[in-house]
Amino acid sequence: MDGAALQGVILAVGATVVEGVAQVFLKRAAIGSRKVLWTALGLAMFAVEALVYTVALRFLAVSVAYPIGALSFVAVTLLSQLWLRERVDRTRWCGIMLIILGAALVATRA
């Protein structure tokens, strides 16, 4: 993998983390107080995610970047467990591991 592709992969993974944060913020808006604040923060994070992902596409083919985007499922699961105390069962962990494996296979061929 060349330097540009590596930079693209790092940006695509970063975009998935930002998307995970946005999803958790929207969940906070749905279940708690300060709904307007959490909704605004969630939408702002989606805007940041779109910008980061767009930059990643400068360095990666969309056929590589999009599967890496599946890591957003991983980010949402980890962040919802950490910040929202949601329970994650064994079956979901198996799915998370398969997503990580698939994204890694795609990323290594970038």
C-alpha atoms as a PDB file:
ATOM      1  CA  MET A   1       0.000   0.000   0.000  1.00  0.00           C
ATOM      2  CA  ASP A   2       1.443   3.340  -0.997  1.00  0.00           C
ATOM      3  CA  GLY A   3       1.427   6.480   1.160  1.00  0.00           C
ATOM      4  CA  ALA A   4      -1.605   8.037  -0.528  1.00  0.00           C
ATOM      5  CA  ALA A   5      -3.677   4.897  -0.083  1.00  0.00           C
ATOM      6  CA  LEU A   6      -2.635   4.657   3.559  1.00  0.00           C
ATOM      7  CA  GLN A   7      -3.671   8.272   4.082  1.00  0.00           C
ATOM      8  CA  GLY A   8      -7.029   7.506   2.461  1.00  0.00           C
ATOM      9  CA  VAL A   9      -7.582   4.466   4.670  1.00  0.00           C
ATOM     10  CA  ILE A  10      -6.754   6.476   7.798  1.00  0.00           C
ATOM     11  CA  LEU A  11      -9.180   9.206   6.738  1.00  0.00           C
ATOM     12  CA  ALA A  12     -11.925   6.683   5.910  1.00  0.00           C
ATOM     13  CA  VAL A  13     -11.514   5.001   9.301  1.00  0.00           C
ATOM     14  CA  GLY A  14     -11.545   8.422  10.980  1.00  0.00           C
ATOM     15  CA  ALA A  15     -14.780   9.244   9.177  1.00  0.00           C
ATOM     16  CA  THR A  16     -16.363   6.080  10.572  1.00  0.00           C
ATOM     17  CA  VAL A  17     -15.408   7.054  14.120  1.00  0.00           C
ATOM     18  CA  VAL A  18     -16.899  10.524  13.635  1.00  0.00           C
ATOM     19  CA  GLU A  19     -20.068   8.918  12.255  1.00  0.00           C
ATOM     20  CA  GLY A  20     -20.233   6.688  15.323  1.00  0.00           C
ATOM     21  CA  VAL A  21     -20.054   9.739  17.581  1.00  0.00           C
ATOM     22  CA  ALA A  22     -22.822  11.394  15.559  1.00  0.00           C
ATOM     23  CA  GLN A  23     -25.063   8.350  15.967  1.00  0.00           C
ATOM     24  CA  VAL A  24     -24.537   8.271  19.733  1.00  0.00           C
ATOM     25  CA  PHE A  25     -25.278  12.005  19.970  1.00  0.00           C
ATOM     26  CA  LEU A  26     -28.579  11.464  18.137  1.00  0.00           C
ATOM     27  CA  LYS A  27     -29.432   8.614  20.494  1.00  0.00           C
ATOM     28  CA  ARG A  28     -28.756  10.963  23.417  1.00  0.00           C
ATOM     29  CA  ALA A  29     -31.156  13.442  21.824  1.00  0.00           C
ATOM     30  CA  ALA A  30     -33.797  10.734  21.564  1.00  0.00           C
ATOM     31  CA  ILE A  31     -33.590   9.542  25.171  1.00  0.00           C
ATOM     32  CA  GLY A  32     -32.535  12.494  27.293  1.00  0.00           C
ATOM     33  CA  SER A  33     -32.838  16.136  28.006  1.00  0.00           C
ATOM     34  CA  ARG A  34     -31.220  18.875  25.916  1.00  0.00           C
ATOM     35  CA  LYS A  35     -32.629  17.341  22.751  1.00  0.00           C
ATOM     36  CA  VAL A  36     -31.829  20.385  20.620  1.00  0.00           C
ATOM     37  CA  LEU A  37     -28.195  20.439  21.783  1.00  0.00           C
ATOM     38  CA  TRP A  38     -27.603  16.728  21.170  1.00  0.00           C
ATOM     39  CA  THR A  39     -29.381  16.866  17.802  1.00  0.00           C
ATOM     40  CA  ALA A  40     -27.304  19.863  16.701  1.00  0.00           C
ATOM     41  CA  LEU A  41     -24.099  18.150  17.822  1.00  0.00           C
ATOM     42  CA  GLY A  42     -25.079  14.959  15.994  1.00  0.00           C
ATOM     43  CA  LEU A  43     -25.845  16.790  12.781  1.00  0.00           C
ATOM     44  CA  ALA A  44     -22.611  18.781  13.040  1.00  0.00           C
ATOM     45  CA  MET A  45     -20.674  15.533  13.429  1.00  0.00           C
ATOM     46  CA  PHE A  46     -22.363  14.143  10.313  1.00  0.00           C
ATOM     47  CA  ALA A  47     -21.181  17.228   8.426  1.00  0.00           C
ATOM     48  CA  VAL A  48     -17.617  16.666   9.684  1.00  0.00           C
ATOM     49  CA  GLU A  49     -17.875  12.998   8.703  1.00  0.00           C
ATOM     50  CA  ALA A  50     -18.957  13.933   5.176  1.00  0.00           C
ATOM     51  CA  LEU A  51     -16.014  16.295   4.806  1.00  0.00           C
ATOM     52  CA  VAL A  52     -13.472  13.764   6.087  1.00  0.00           C
ATOM     53  CA  TYR A  53     -14.934  11.017   3.888  1.00  0.00           C
ATOM     54  CA  THR A  54     -14.844  13.305   0.853  1.00  0.00           C
ATOM     55  CA  VAL A  55     -11.145  13.963   1.439  1.00  0.00           C
ATOM     56  CA  ALA A  56     -10.574  10.210   1.829  1.00  0.00           C
ATOM     57  CA  LEU A  57     -12.086   9.730  -1.637  1.00  0.00           C
ATOM     58  CA  ARG A  58      -9.254  11.819  -3.076  1.00  0.00           C
ATOM     59  CA  PHE A  59      -6.901   8.972  -2.148  1.00  0.00           C
ATOM     60  CA  LEU A  60      -9.114   5.880  -2.456  1.00  0.00           C
ATOM     61  CA  ALA A  61     -11.446   4.357  -4.972  1.00  0.00           C
ATOM     62  CA  VAL A  62     -15.008   4.477  -3.731  1.00  0.00           C
ATOM     63  CA  SER A  63     -15.063   0.670  -4.061  1.00  0.00           C
ATOM     64  CA  VAL A  64     -12.428   0.610  -1.306  1.00  0.00           C
ATOM     65  CA  ALA A  65     -13.633   3.503   0.842  1.00  0.00           C
ATOM     66  CA  TYR A  66     -17.256   2.377   1.040  1.00  0.00           C
ATOM     67  CA  PRO A  67     -16.564  -1.076   2.526  1.00  0.00           C
ATOM     68  CA  ILE A  68     -14.213   0.559   5.050  1.00  0.00           C
ATOM     69  CA  GLY A  69     -17.210   2.699   5.981  1.00  0.00           C
ATOM     70  CA  ALA A  70     -18.812  -0.458   7.388  1.00  0.00           C
ATOM     71  CA  LEU A  71     -16.534   0.123  10.370  1.00  0.00           C
ATOM     72  CA  SER A  72     -19.117   2.691  11.459  1.00  0.00           C
ATOM     73  CA  PHE A  73     -21.098  -0.308  12.787  1.00  0.00           C
ATOM     74  CA  VAL A  74     -18.104  -1.152  14.945  1.00  0.00           C
ATOM     75  CA  ALA A  75     -17.724   2.436  16.152  1.00  0.00           C
ATOM     76  CA  VAL A  76     -21.415   2.741  17.005  1.00  0.00           C
ATOM     77  CA  THR A  77     -21.377  -0.532  18.916  1.00  0.00           C
ATOM     78  CA  LEU A  78     -18.286   0.356  20.933  1.00  0.00           C
ATOM     79  CA  LEU A  79     -19.399   3.919  21.652  1.00  0.00           C
ATOM     80  CA  SER A  80     -22.950   2.937  22.575  1.00  0.00           C
ATOM     81  CA  GLN A  81     -21.589   0.349  24.983  1.00  0.00           C
ATOM     82  CA  LEU A  82     -19.152   2.843  26.491  1.00  0.00           C
ATOM     83  CA  TRP A  83     -21.258   6.029  26.588  1.00  0.00           C
ATOM     84  CA  LEU A  84     -24.811   4.692  26.725  1.00  0.00           C
ATOM     85  CA  ARG A  85     -24.173   1.486  28.672  1.00  0.00           C
ATOM     86  CA  GLU A  86     -25.928  -0.586  26.015  1.00  0.00           C
ATOM     87  CA  ARG A  87     -25.497  -4.342  26.252  1.00  0.00           C
ATOM     88  CA  VAL A  88     -23.717  -6.092  23.372  1.00  0.00           C
ATOM     89  CA  ASP A  89     -24.270  -9.843  23.165  1.00  0.00           C
ATOM     90  CA  ARG A  90     -21.944 -12.530  21.827  1.00  0.00           C
ATOM     91  CA  THR A  91     -23.688 -12.742  18.446  1.00  0.00           C
ATOM     92  CA  ARG A  92     -23.199  -9.034  17.828  1.00  0.00           C
ATOM     93  CA  TRP A  93     -19.519  -9.318  18.809  1.00  0.00           C
ATOM     94  CA  CYS A  94     -19.118 -12.087  16.210  1.00  0.00           C
ATOM     95  CA  GLY A  95     -20.681  -9.806  13.600  1.00  0.00           C
ATOM     96  CA  ILE A  96     -18.380  -6.968  14.631  1.00  0.00           C
ATOM     97  CA  MET A  97     -15.345  -9.217  14.201  1.00  0.00           C
ATOM     98  CA  LEU A  98     -16.505 -10.207  10.695  1.00  0.00           C
ATOM     99  CA  ILE A  99     -16.943  -6.537   9.748  1.00  0.00           C
ATOM    100  CA  ILE A 100     -13.430  -5.756  10.993  1.00  0.00           C
ATOM    101  CA  LEU A 101     -12.025  -8.702   9.051  1.00  0.00           C
ATOM    102  CA  GLY A 102     -13.828  -7.672   5.851  1.00  0.00           C
ATOM    103  CA  ALA A 103     -12.732  -4.036   6.127  1.00  0.00           C
ATOM    104  CA  ALA A 104      -9.148  -5.142   6.793  1.00  0.00           C
ATOM    105  CA  LEU A 105      -9.165  -7.379   3.705  1.00  0.00           C
ATOM    106  CA  VAL A 106     -10.388  -4.512   1.533  1.00  0.00           C
ATOM    107  CA  ALA A 107      -8.035  -1.939   3.079  1.00  0.00           C
ATOM    108  CA  THR A 108      -4.915  -4.064   2.633  1.00  0.00           C
ATOM    109  CA  ARG A 109      -5.609  -4.196  -1.114  1.00  0.00           C
ATOM    110  CA  ALA A 110      -6.087  -0.417  -1.426  1.00  0.00           C
END
